[in-house]
Amino acid sequence: MAGTARQFQAENVDVCLVNNQGELAAVNNWCPHRQGPLAEGWIEEGRIVCPWHAWGFDLRTGECLEENSRVAVYALKQQGDEVLIELPAE
C-alpha cells in the first residue's frame, strides 16, 4: 500500500521499508537524534518523518533537512514478491 512504512530486521540491522506512492525505499530504522523508530512515523514529500521530534529524512539520500544529520539508505531490488536489501559489509 502506498504511503506506508514497516520495520524489518535483516542480518541484525533494523530497516525501515517504505512504500512511497508505489516506490520502495529502505533506510535505517532509527532516528539519529533520539533513536525514534522511523517506521512508526509518516511519509511526507519524499521523506520519512520521525514520530518523536518530526525530523524528516529524504528517502533517496538519507539527509535530514531540519538538522545536519542523516540515516543510512540501503539499495534494494524487488524479485517477484520478495524485496532484497543490500546491507553494508561489516
C-alpha atoms as a PDB file:
ATOM      1  CA  MET A   1       0.000   0.000   0.000  1.00  0.00           C
ATOM      2  CA  ALA A   2       1.376   3.437  -0.929  1.00  0.00           C
ATOM      3  CA  GLY A   3       2.338   5.755   1.907  1.00  0.00           C
ATOM      4  CA  THR A   4       3.291   3.057   4.408  1.00  0.00           C
ATOM      5  CA  ALA A   5       6.375   2.194   6.448  1.00  0.00           C
ATOM      6  CA  ARG A   6       7.236  -1.035   8.246  1.00  0.00           C
ATOM      7  CA  GLN A   7      10.163  -2.210  10.309  1.00  0.00           C
ATOM      8  CA  PHE A   8      12.058  -5.371   9.384  1.00  0.00           C
ATOM      9  CA  GLN A   9      15.265  -6.913  10.632  1.00  0.00           C
ATOM     10  CA  ALA A  10      17.889  -8.098   8.161  1.00  0.00           C
ATOM     11  CA  GLU A  11      21.162  -9.545   9.453  1.00  0.00           C
ATOM     12  CA  ASN A  12      20.701  -7.767  12.822  1.00  0.00           C
ATOM     13  CA  VAL A  13      20.030  -4.393  11.155  1.00  0.00           C
ATOM     14  CA  ASP A  14      16.683  -2.714  11.796  1.00  0.00           C
ATOM     15  CA  VAL A  15      15.418  -1.495   8.438  1.00  0.00           C
ATOM     16  CA  CYS A  16      12.536   0.858   7.733  1.00  0.00           C
ATOM     17  CA  LEU A  17      10.945  -0.255   4.441  1.00  0.00           C
ATOM     18  CA  VAL A  18       8.824   2.490   2.902  1.00  0.00           C
ATOM     19  CA  ASN A  19       6.273   2.389   0.106  1.00  0.00           C
ATOM     20  CA  ASN A  20       6.145   5.988  -1.089  1.00  0.00           C
ATOM     21  CA  GLN A  21       3.428   6.218  -3.746  1.00  0.00           C
ATOM     22  CA  GLY A  22       4.372   2.820  -5.145  1.00  0.00           C
ATOM     23  CA  GLU A  23       8.138   3.351  -4.965  1.00  0.00           C
ATOM     24  CA  LEU A  24      10.018   1.292  -2.380  1.00  0.00           C
ATOM     25  CA  ALA A  25      12.857   2.678  -0.274  1.00  0.00           C
ATOM     26  CA  ALA A  26      14.867   1.267   2.632  1.00  0.00           C
ATOM     27  CA  VAL A  27      16.620   3.266   5.350  1.00  0.00           C
ATOM     28  CA  ASN A  28      17.983   2.572   8.815  1.00  0.00           C
ATOM     29  CA  ASN A  29      15.003   2.459  11.168  1.00  0.00           C
ATOM     30  CA  TRP A  30      16.463   4.533  13.999  1.00  0.00           C
ATOM     31  CA  CYS A  31      16.479   8.335  14.002  1.00  0.00           C
ATOM     32  CA  PRO A  32      19.977   9.545  14.934  1.00  0.00           C
ATOM     33  CA  HIS A  33      18.519  12.276  17.188  1.00  0.00           C
ATOM     34  CA  ARG A  34      16.957  10.187  19.970  1.00  0.00           C
ATOM     35  CA  GLN A  35      16.650   6.751  18.354  1.00  0.00           C
ATOM     36  CA  GLY A  36      12.984   7.224  17.451  1.00  0.00           C
ATOM     37  CA  PRO A  37      11.513   4.378  15.355  1.00  0.00           C
ATOM     38  CA  LEU A  38      11.165   5.794  11.848  1.00  0.00           C
ATOM     39  CA  ALA A  39       8.787   3.021  10.735  1.00  0.00           C
ATOM     40  CA  GLU A  40       6.249   4.441  13.207  1.00  0.00           C
ATOM     41  CA  GLY A  41       6.482   7.869  11.582  1.00  0.00           C
ATOM     42  CA  TRP A  42       4.767   9.231   8.482  1.00  0.00           C
ATOM     43  CA  ILE A  43       5.720   9.879   4.882  1.00  0.00           C
ATOM     44  CA  GLU A  44       5.696  13.452   3.645  1.00  0.00           C
ATOM     45  CA  GLU A  45       7.102  14.893   0.409  1.00  0.00           C
ATOM     46  CA  GLY A  46       9.512  12.003  -0.212  1.00  0.00           C
ATOM     47  CA  ARG A  47      10.724  11.873   3.385  1.00  0.00           C
ATOM     48  CA  ILE A  48      10.128   9.558   6.337  1.00  0.00           C
ATOM     49  CA  VAL A  49       9.388  11.703   9.385  1.00  0.00           C
ATOM     50  CA  CYS A  50      10.353  10.613  12.903  1.00  0.00           C
ATOM     51  CA  PRO A  51       7.291  10.312  15.147  1.00  0.00           C
ATOM     52  CA  TRP A  52       9.137  11.651  18.207  1.00  0.00           C
ATOM     53  CA  HIS A  53      10.521  15.036  17.113  1.00  0.00           C
ATOM     54  CA  ALA A  54       9.488  15.361  13.433  1.00  0.00           C
ATOM     55  CA  TRP A  55      12.927  15.153  11.871  1.00  0.00           C
ATOM     56  CA  GLY A  56      12.380  14.197   8.216  1.00  0.00           C
ATOM     57  CA  PHE A  57      14.835  12.069   6.226  1.00  0.00           C
ATOM     58  CA  ASP A  58      14.972  12.065   2.429  1.00  0.00           C
ATOM     59  CA  LEU A  59      14.244   8.542   1.197  1.00  0.00           C
ATOM     60  CA  ARG A  60      16.838   8.775  -1.599  1.00  0.00           C
ATOM     61  CA  THR A  61      19.766  10.411   0.210  1.00  0.00           C
ATOM     62  CA  GLY A  62      19.021   9.887   3.914  1.00  0.00           C
ATOM     63  CA  GLU A  63      19.641  13.594   4.562  1.00  0.00           C
ATOM     64  CA  CYS A  64      17.669  15.500   7.183  1.00  0.00           C
ATOM     65  CA  LEU A  65      16.525  18.990   6.184  1.00  0.00           C
ATOM     66  CA  GLU A  66      15.833  20.135   9.749  1.00  0.00           C
ATOM     67  CA  GLU A  67      19.256  19.255  11.149  1.00  0.00           C
ATOM     68  CA  ASN A  68      22.722  18.357   9.915  1.00  0.00           C
ATOM     69  CA  SER A  69      22.090  14.641  10.176  1.00  0.00           C
ATOM     70  CA  ARG A  70      21.318  11.597   8.051  1.00  0.00           C
ATOM     71  CA  VAL A  71      20.304   7.950   8.130  1.00  0.00           C
ATOM     72  CA  ALA A  72      21.766   5.143   6.054  1.00  0.00           C
ATOM     73  CA  VAL A  73      19.947   4.388   2.794  1.00  0.00           C
ATOM     74  CA  TYR A  74      20.058   0.806   1.542  1.00  0.00           C
ATOM     75  CA  ALA A  75      19.905  -0.270  -2.101  1.00  0.00           C
ATOM     76  CA  LEU A  76      17.098  -2.671  -2.831  1.00  0.00           C
ATOM     77  CA  LYS A  77      15.553  -4.625  -5.638  1.00  0.00           C
ATOM     78  CA  GLN A  78      12.328  -6.494  -5.995  1.00  0.00           C
ATOM     79  CA  GLN A  79      12.231 -10.074  -7.289  1.00  0.00           C
ATOM     80  CA  GLY A  80       8.651 -11.202  -7.615  1.00  0.00           C
ATOM     81  CA  ASP A  81       7.078 -10.867  -4.164  1.00  0.00           C
ATOM     82  CA  GLU A  82      10.444 -10.574  -2.395  1.00  0.00           C
ATOM     83  CA  VAL A  83      12.350  -7.393  -1.607  1.00  0.00           C
ATOM     84  CA  LEU A  84      16.123  -7.804  -1.374  1.00  0.00           C
ATOM     85  CA  ILE A  85      18.024  -5.188   0.625  1.00  0.00           C
ATOM     86  CA  GLU A  86      21.765  -4.649   0.233  1.00  0.00           C
ATOM     87  CA  LEU A  87      23.346  -4.003   3.617  1.00  0.00           C
ATOM     88  CA  PRO A  88      26.863  -2.629   4.083  1.00  0.00           C
ATOM     89  CA  ALA A  89      29.623  -5.132   4.774  1.00  0.00           C
ATOM     90  CA  GLU A  90      30.639  -5.246   8.422  1.00  0.00           C
END
